[in-house]
Amino acid sequence: MSRANVEIVREVVSLMDFAARADDLPARLLELTAPEVEIDMSRRVFNPYVYEGHAGLRRLVRDVQEVWEEFSITPERFVDAGERVVVIMTRHGRGKGSGVAVDQQTAGIWTVGDDKIIRMETDIDPQEALVAVGLD
């Protein structure tokens, strides 16, 4: 079951990367996220927020598109932790207003239930994310 969770998270990460540049969310992204999904970005320095549900997911994508001229997510490692998956990634962005480029290595913890993403926490130090799911 947990290997299947890694594949679900892998697909959702790819779809979210695509959605950052698209006019609307891909239908498949909504299929793979629970209607009550919680996206906890409260650790962000700028605009710390918790997005809730599919409406929150849409808002997150709009927020990204408003702030970033360029934005991409490059996953480096998916770590299976049962119902949770740690994604260690590099995010790249270029600010719309400033033109400043930002590259950041970070991690997220994704929780899967009933073959859908039910929670995502972002902006976690990769080592802290591994410890949080019981791995060193």
N, C-alpha and C. Protein backbone atom coordinates (compact mmCIF):
# COMPACT_ATOMS: atom_id res chain seq x y z
N MET A 1 0.81 -1.20 0.00
CA MET A 1 0.00 0.00 0.00
C MET A 1 0.85 1.26 0.00
N SER A 2 1.94 1.29 0.78
CA SER A 2 2.72 2.52 0.88
C SER A 2 3.44 2.86 -0.43
N ARG A 3 3.83 1.84 -1.20
CA ARG A 3 4.45 2.12 -2.50
C ARG A 3 3.45 2.83 -3.41
N ALA A 4 2.20 2.41 -3.31
CA ALA A 4 1.14 3.08 -4.07
C ALA A 4 1.02 4.53 -3.63
N ASN A 5 1.19 4.79 -2.34
CA ASN A 5 1.12 6.16 -1.84
C ASN A 5 2.23 7.02 -2.45
N VAL A 6 3.42 6.46 -2.58
CA VAL A 6 4.52 7.20 -3.21
C VAL A 6 4.15 7.56 -4.64
N GLU A 7 3.55 6.64 -5.37
CA GLU A 7 3.18 6.92 -6.75
C GLU A 7 2.09 7.98 -6.84
N ILE A 8 1.14 7.98 -5.91
CA ILE A 8 0.11 9.02 -5.87
C ILE A 8 0.77 10.38 -5.63
N VAL A 9 1.65 10.44 -4.65
CA VAL A 9 2.33 11.71 -4.33
C VAL A 9 3.18 12.15 -5.51
N ARG A 10 3.87 11.24 -6.14
CA ARG A 10 4.71 11.58 -7.31
C ARG A 10 3.85 12.23 -8.40
N GLU A 11 2.68 11.66 -8.66
CA GLU A 11 1.81 12.21 -9.69
C GLU A 11 1.27 13.59 -9.28
N VAL A 12 0.88 13.74 -8.01
CA VAL A 12 0.34 15.01 -7.55
C VAL A 12 1.40 16.11 -7.60
N VAL A 13 2.63 15.80 -7.21
CA VAL A 13 3.70 16.79 -7.29
C VAL A 13 3.88 17.26 -8.73
N SER A 14 3.88 16.33 -9.66
CA SER A 14 4.01 16.68 -11.07
C SER A 14 2.85 17.54 -11.54
N LEU A 15 1.64 17.18 -11.14
CA LEU A 15 0.46 17.95 -11.53
C LEU A 15 0.47 19.35 -10.92
N MET A 16 0.94 19.47 -9.68
CA MET A 16 1.00 20.79 -9.06
C MET A 16 2.06 21.66 -9.74
N ASP A 17 3.16 21.05 -10.14
CA ASP A 17 4.18 21.79 -10.87
C ASP A 17 3.58 22.32 -12.18
N PHE A 18 2.83 21.48 -12.88
CA PHE A 18 2.17 21.88 -14.12
C PHE A 18 1.13 22.97 -13.85
N ALA A 19 0.34 22.81 -12.79
CA ALA A 19 -0.75 23.74 -12.48
C ALA A 19 -0.23 25.15 -12.22
N ALA A 20 1.00 25.28 -11.74
CA ALA A 20 1.56 26.60 -11.47
C ALA A 20 1.67 27.44 -12.74
N ARG A 21 1.64 26.78 -13.89
CA ARG A 21 1.75 27.49 -15.18
C ARG A 21 0.49 27.38 -16.03
N ALA A 22 -0.55 26.72 -15.53
CA ALA A 22 -1.75 26.46 -16.32
C ALA A 22 -2.87 27.45 -15.99
N ASP A 23 -3.87 27.47 -16.84
CA ASP A 23 -5.02 28.34 -16.62
C ASP A 23 -5.98 27.80 -15.57
N ASP A 24 -6.01 26.49 -15.40
CA ASP A 24 -6.90 25.89 -14.41
C ASP A 24 -6.25 24.62 -13.90
N LEU A 25 -6.78 24.11 -12.79
CA LEU A 25 -6.24 22.87 -12.23
C LEU A 25 -6.60 21.70 -13.13
N PRO A 26 -5.65 20.81 -13.34
CA PRO A 26 -5.98 19.59 -14.08
C PRO A 26 -7.02 18.78 -13.30
N ALA A 27 -7.97 18.21 -14.01
CA ALA A 27 -9.02 17.40 -13.37
C ALA A 27 -8.39 16.27 -12.57
N ARG A 28 -7.32 15.70 -13.06
CA ARG A 28 -6.66 14.59 -12.36
C ARG A 28 -6.14 15.03 -11.00
N LEU A 29 -5.68 16.27 -10.87
CA LEU A 29 -5.21 16.77 -9.59
C LEU A 29 -6.35 16.78 -8.57
N LEU A 30 -7.51 17.20 -9.00
CA LEU A 30 -8.67 17.20 -8.10
C LEU A 30 -9.10 15.77 -7.75
N GLU A 31 -8.97 14.86 -8.70
CA GLU A 31 -9.32 13.45 -8.43
C GLU A 31 -8.40 12.85 -7.37
N LEU A 32 -7.15 13.28 -7.34
CA LEU A 32 -6.16 12.70 -6.43
C LEU A 32 -6.07 13.41 -5.09
N THR A 33 -6.84 14.47 -4.90
CA THR A 33 -6.85 15.17 -3.62
C THR A 33 -8.25 15.09 -3.03
N ALA A 34 -8.29 14.81 -1.74
CA ALA A 34 -9.57 14.72 -1.05
C ALA A 34 -10.25 16.09 -1.07
N PRO A 35 -11.58 16.13 -1.15
CA PRO A 35 -12.28 17.41 -1.14
C PRO A 35 -11.94 18.27 0.08
N GLU A 36 -11.58 17.63 1.19
CA GLU A 36 -11.25 18.36 2.42
C GLU A 36 -9.74 18.46 2.64
N VAL A 37 -8.95 18.32 1.59
CA VAL A 37 -7.49 18.37 1.71
C VAL A 37 -7.05 19.61 2.47
N GLU A 38 -6.01 19.44 3.27
CA GLU A 38 -5.43 20.56 4.01
C GLU A 38 -3.99 20.73 3.55
N ILE A 39 -3.66 21.94 3.12
CA ILE A 39 -2.31 22.24 2.65
C ILE A 39 -1.73 23.27 3.61
N ASP A 40 -0.85 22.80 4.49
CA ASP A 40 -0.30 23.63 5.57
C ASP A 40 1.01 24.26 5.11
N MET A 41 0.94 25.54 4.81
CA MET A 41 2.14 26.29 4.42
C MET A 41 2.44 27.35 5.46
N SER A 42 2.06 27.06 6.69
CA SER A 42 2.21 28.05 7.76
C SER A 42 3.67 28.27 8.15
N ARG A 43 4.58 27.43 7.66
CA ARG A 43 6.00 27.63 7.97
C ARG A 43 6.67 28.61 7.01
N ARG A 44 5.98 29.00 5.96
CA ARG A 44 6.57 29.95 5.01
C ARG A 44 6.84 31.28 5.70
N VAL A 45 7.90 31.93 5.30
CA VAL A 45 8.23 33.24 5.84
C VAL A 45 7.22 34.27 5.30
N PHE A 46 7.00 34.25 4.00
CA PHE A 46 6.04 35.16 3.39
C PHE A 46 4.73 34.42 3.16
N ASN A 47 3.65 35.05 3.47
CA ASN A 47 2.31 34.49 3.26
C ASN A 47 2.12 33.12 3.89
N PRO A 48 2.42 32.98 5.17
CA PRO A 48 2.15 31.70 5.82
C PRO A 48 0.64 31.50 5.84
N TYR A 49 0.20 30.36 5.37
CA TYR A 49 -1.24 30.14 5.24
C TYR A 49 -1.52 28.65 5.25
N VAL A 50 -2.73 28.31 5.65
CA VAL A 50 -3.22 26.94 5.54
C VAL A 50 -4.39 26.98 4.55
N TYR A 51 -4.23 26.28 3.45
CA TYR A 51 -5.25 26.22 2.40
C TYR A 51 -6.12 24.99 2.66
N GLU A 52 -7.43 25.15 2.51
CA GLU A 52 -8.34 24.04 2.81
C GLU A 52 -9.23 23.71 1.63
N GLY A 53 -9.35 22.41 1.36
CA GLY A 53 -10.25 21.92 0.31
C GLY A 53 -9.78 22.24 -1.09
N HIS A 54 -10.60 21.85 -2.05
CA HIS A 54 -10.27 22.11 -3.45
C HIS A 54 -10.24 23.61 -3.73
N ALA A 55 -11.10 24.38 -3.05
CA ALA A 55 -11.07 25.84 -3.21
C ALA A 55 -9.72 26.38 -2.74
N GLY A 56 -9.20 25.84 -1.65
CA GLY A 56 -7.90 26.25 -1.15
C GLY A 56 -6.78 25.88 -2.11
N LEU A 57 -6.89 24.72 -2.72
CA LEU A 57 -5.90 24.29 -3.72
C LEU A 57 -5.89 25.26 -4.90
N ARG A 58 -7.07 25.65 -5.34
CA ARG A 58 -7.16 26.64 -6.43
C ARG A 58 -6.54 27.97 -6.00
N ARG A 59 -6.81 28.37 -4.77
CA ARG A 59 -6.26 29.63 -4.27
C ARG A 59 -4.73 29.58 -4.21
N LEU A 60 -4.20 28.45 -3.76
CA LEU A 60 -2.74 28.28 -3.71
C LEU A 60 -2.13 28.48 -5.09
N VAL A 61 -2.72 27.85 -6.09
CA VAL A 61 -2.19 27.97 -7.45
C VAL A 61 -2.28 29.42 -7.92
N ARG A 62 -3.38 30.09 -7.65
CA ARG A 62 -3.50 31.51 -8.02
C ARG A 62 -2.44 32.36 -7.31
N ASP A 63 -2.23 32.08 -6.02
CA ASP A 63 -1.22 32.82 -5.27
C ASP A 63 0.16 32.64 -5.89
N VAL A 64 0.50 31.43 -6.27
CA VAL A 64 1.80 31.16 -6.90
C VAL A 64 1.90 31.93 -8.21
N GLN A 65 0.85 31.90 -9.01
CA GLN A 65 0.87 32.57 -10.31
C GLN A 65 0.96 34.09 -10.16
N GLU A 66 0.39 34.64 -9.09
CA GLU A 66 0.44 36.09 -8.88
C GLU A 66 1.83 36.56 -8.46
N VAL A 67 2.55 35.73 -7.72
CA VAL A 67 3.84 36.13 -7.17
C VAL A 67 5.01 35.81 -8.09
N TRP A 68 4.94 34.69 -8.80
CA TRP A 68 6.10 34.18 -9.54
C TRP A 68 5.93 34.30 -11.04
N GLU A 69 6.94 34.86 -11.69
CA GLU A 69 7.00 34.88 -13.15
C GLU A 69 7.32 33.48 -13.65
N GLU A 70 8.23 32.83 -12.96
CA GLU A 70 8.60 31.43 -13.23
C GLU A 70 8.48 30.68 -11.92
N PHE A 71 8.03 29.45 -11.98
CA PHE A 71 7.97 28.63 -10.78
C PHE A 71 8.03 27.17 -11.19
N SER A 72 8.88 26.40 -10.51
CA SER A 72 8.94 24.97 -10.78
C SER A 72 9.34 24.21 -9.53
N ILE A 73 8.91 22.97 -9.48
CA ILE A 73 9.23 22.06 -8.40
C ILE A 73 10.01 20.89 -9.00
N THR A 74 11.18 20.64 -8.46
CA THR A 74 11.98 19.50 -8.92
C THR A 74 12.15 18.53 -7.75
N PRO A 75 11.37 17.45 -7.76
CA PRO A 75 11.53 16.47 -6.68
C PRO A 75 12.86 15.74 -6.82
N GLU A 76 13.55 15.59 -5.70
CA GLU A 76 14.83 14.90 -5.69
C GLU A 76 14.72 13.51 -5.08
N ARG A 77 13.78 13.37 -4.15
CA ARG A 77 13.67 12.08 -3.45
C ARG A 77 12.28 11.94 -2.86
N PHE A 78 11.70 10.76 -3.02
CA PHE A 78 10.43 10.41 -2.40
C PHE A 78 10.73 9.34 -1.36
N VAL A 79 10.36 9.58 -0.11
CA VAL A 79 10.68 8.65 0.96
C VAL A 79 9.37 8.07 1.51
N ASP A 80 9.25 6.78 1.37
CA ASP A 80 8.06 6.05 1.81
C ASP A 80 8.05 5.93 3.32
N ALA A 81 6.98 6.44 3.94
CA ALA A 81 6.82 6.32 5.39
C ALA A 81 5.39 5.86 5.69
N GLY A 82 4.94 4.86 4.93
CA GLY A 82 3.61 4.32 5.14
C GLY A 82 2.54 5.23 4.57
N GLU A 83 1.65 5.72 5.42
CA GLU A 83 0.60 6.62 4.93
C GLU A 83 1.12 8.01 4.64
N ARG A 84 2.35 8.29 5.05
CA ARG A 84 2.98 9.57 4.76
C ARG A 84 4.17 9.38 3.83
N VAL A 85 4.40 10.38 3.01
CA VAL A 85 5.51 10.37 2.06
C VAL A 85 6.25 11.69 2.22
N VAL A 86 7.54 11.61 2.41
CA VAL A 86 8.37 12.81 2.46
C VAL A 86 8.90 13.06 1.05
N VAL A 87 8.72 14.29 0.59
CA VAL A 87 9.27 14.69 -0.71
C VAL A 87 10.33 15.74 -0.45
N ILE A 88 11.55 15.40 -0.81
CA ILE A 88 12.65 16.36 -0.73
C ILE A 88 12.78 16.94 -2.13
N MET A 89 12.75 18.27 -2.20
CA MET A 89 12.65 18.91 -3.51
C MET A 89 13.42 20.22 -3.54
N THR A 90 13.62 20.69 -4.75
CA THR A 90 14.12 22.04 -4.96
C THR A 90 13.03 22.81 -5.67
N ARG A 91 12.73 23.98 -5.11
CA ARG A 91 11.77 24.88 -5.76
C ARG A 91 12.55 26.02 -6.38
N HIS A 92 12.19 26.34 -7.59
CA HIS A 92 12.82 27.46 -8.30
C HIS A 92 11.73 28.46 -8.63
N GLY A 93 12.03 29.72 -8.43
CA GLY A 93 11.10 30.76 -8.82
C GLY A 93 11.83 32.04 -9.20
N ARG A 94 11.15 32.83 -10.00
CA ARG A 94 11.64 34.17 -10.33
C ARG A 94 10.47 35.10 -10.09
N GLY A 95 10.66 36.04 -9.17
CA GLY A 95 9.59 36.94 -8.77
C GLY A 95 9.09 37.80 -9.91
N LYS A 96 7.77 38.00 -9.96
CA LYS A 96 7.18 38.85 -11.00
C LYS A 96 7.62 40.29 -10.87
N GLY A 97 7.50 40.82 -9.70
CA GLY A 97 7.83 42.23 -9.51
C GLY A 97 9.32 42.50 -9.45
N SER A 98 10.05 41.64 -8.76
CA SER A 98 11.46 41.89 -8.50
C SER A 98 12.40 41.29 -9.54
N GLY A 99 11.98 40.22 -10.17
CA GLY A 99 12.86 39.50 -11.09
C GLY A 99 13.91 38.68 -10.39
N VAL A 100 13.87 38.66 -9.06
CA VAL A 100 14.86 37.93 -8.28
C VAL A 100 14.60 36.43 -8.39
N ALA A 101 15.68 35.68 -8.64
CA ALA A 101 15.58 34.22 -8.72
C ALA A 101 15.80 33.62 -7.33
N VAL A 102 15.02 32.60 -7.03
CA VAL A 102 15.12 31.91 -5.75
C VAL A 102 15.18 30.41 -6.02
N ASP A 103 16.17 29.75 -5.42
CA ASP A 103 16.27 28.30 -5.45
C ASP A 103 16.33 27.85 -4.00
N GLN A 104 15.45 26.93 -3.64
CA GLN A 104 15.37 26.51 -2.25
C GLN A 104 15.18 25.00 -2.17
N GLN A 105 16.06 24.35 -1.39
CA GLN A 105 15.82 22.95 -1.10
C GLN A 105 14.95 22.89 0.14
N THR A 106 13.91 22.10 0.06
CA THR A 106 12.95 21.99 1.15
C THR A 106 12.33 20.61 1.10
N ALA A 107 11.45 20.37 2.03
CA ALA A 107 10.74 19.08 2.04
C ALA A 107 9.29 19.32 2.38
N GLY A 108 8.49 18.36 2.00
CA GLY A 108 7.09 18.35 2.35
C GLY A 108 6.72 16.98 2.86
N ILE A 109 5.74 16.94 3.74
CA ILE A 109 5.20 15.67 4.22
C ILE A 109 3.78 15.57 3.69
N TRP A 110 3.53 14.54 2.92
CA TRP A 110 2.24 14.32 2.29
C TRP A 110 1.57 13.13 2.97
N THR A 111 0.31 13.26 3.33
CA THR A 111 -0.44 12.17 3.95
C THR A 111 -1.49 11.70 2.97
N VAL A 112 -1.54 10.38 2.80
CA VAL A 112 -2.48 9.77 1.85
C VAL A 112 -3.47 8.92 2.63
N GLY A 113 -4.74 9.05 2.27
CA GLY A 113 -5.80 8.21 2.85
C GLY A 113 -6.81 7.89 1.76
N ASP A 114 -7.20 6.64 1.66
CA ASP A 114 -8.16 6.22 0.62
C ASP A 114 -7.71 6.63 -0.78
N ASP A 115 -6.42 6.48 -1.05
CA ASP A 115 -5.84 6.76 -2.36
C ASP A 115 -5.95 8.23 -2.79
N LYS A 116 -6.04 9.14 -1.82
CA LYS A 116 -6.09 10.57 -2.11
C LYS A 116 -5.21 11.32 -1.12
N ILE A 117 -4.70 12.45 -1.56
CA ILE A 117 -3.94 13.31 -0.66
C ILE A 117 -4.94 13.95 0.31
N ILE A 118 -4.68 13.78 1.62
CA ILE A 118 -5.56 14.40 2.60
C ILE A 118 -4.88 15.55 3.34
N ARG A 119 -3.54 15.56 3.30
CA ARG A 119 -2.82 16.65 3.98
C ARG A 119 -1.43 16.78 3.36
N MET A 120 -0.99 18.03 3.32
CA MET A 120 0.37 18.30 2.87
C MET A 120 0.93 19.41 3.75
N GLU A 121 2.13 19.19 4.25
CA GLU A 121 2.85 20.21 5.03
C GLU A 121 4.11 20.55 4.24
N THR A 122 4.39 21.84 4.12
CA THR A 122 5.54 22.24 3.32
C THR A 122 6.52 23.10 4.11
N ASP A 123 7.61 23.41 3.44
CA ASP A 123 8.64 24.30 3.97
C ASP A 123 9.27 23.75 5.25
N ILE A 124 9.59 22.48 5.19
CA ILE A 124 10.21 21.80 6.32
C ILE A 124 11.65 21.46 5.92
N ASP A 125 12.57 21.63 6.84
CA ASP A 125 13.93 21.19 6.61
C ASP A 125 13.90 19.70 6.28
N PRO A 126 14.60 19.26 5.25
CA PRO A 126 14.53 17.84 4.87
C PRO A 126 14.82 16.87 6.02
N GLN A 127 15.84 17.13 6.82
CA GLN A 127 16.16 16.22 7.93
C GLN A 127 15.03 16.22 8.96
N GLU A 128 14.47 17.39 9.25
CA GLU A 128 13.35 17.46 10.20
C GLU A 128 12.13 16.70 9.70
N ALA A 129 11.90 16.75 8.39
CA ALA A 129 10.77 16.02 7.82
C ALA A 129 10.95 14.51 8.00
N LEU A 130 12.17 14.03 7.78
CA LEU A 130 12.43 12.60 7.95
C LEU A 130 12.24 12.19 9.40
N VAL A 131 12.71 12.99 10.32
CA VAL A 131 12.54 12.70 11.74
C VAL A 131 11.06 12.72 12.11
N ALA A 132 10.30 13.65 11.56
CA ALA A 132 8.87 13.80 11.87
C ALA A 132 8.07 12.55 11.50
N VAL A 133 8.54 11.82 10.48
CA VAL A 133 7.82 10.59 10.09
C VAL A 133 8.46 9.33 10.65
N GLY A 134 9.42 9.52 11.57
CA GLY A 134 10.03 8.37 12.24
C GLY A 134 11.23 7.78 11.55
N LEU A 135 11.83 8.53 10.63
CA LEU A 135 13.03 8.06 9.93
C LEU A 135 14.18 8.98 10.27
N ASP A 136 15.40 8.46 10.20
CA ASP A 136 16.57 9.33 10.46
C ASP A 136 17.22 9.65 9.15
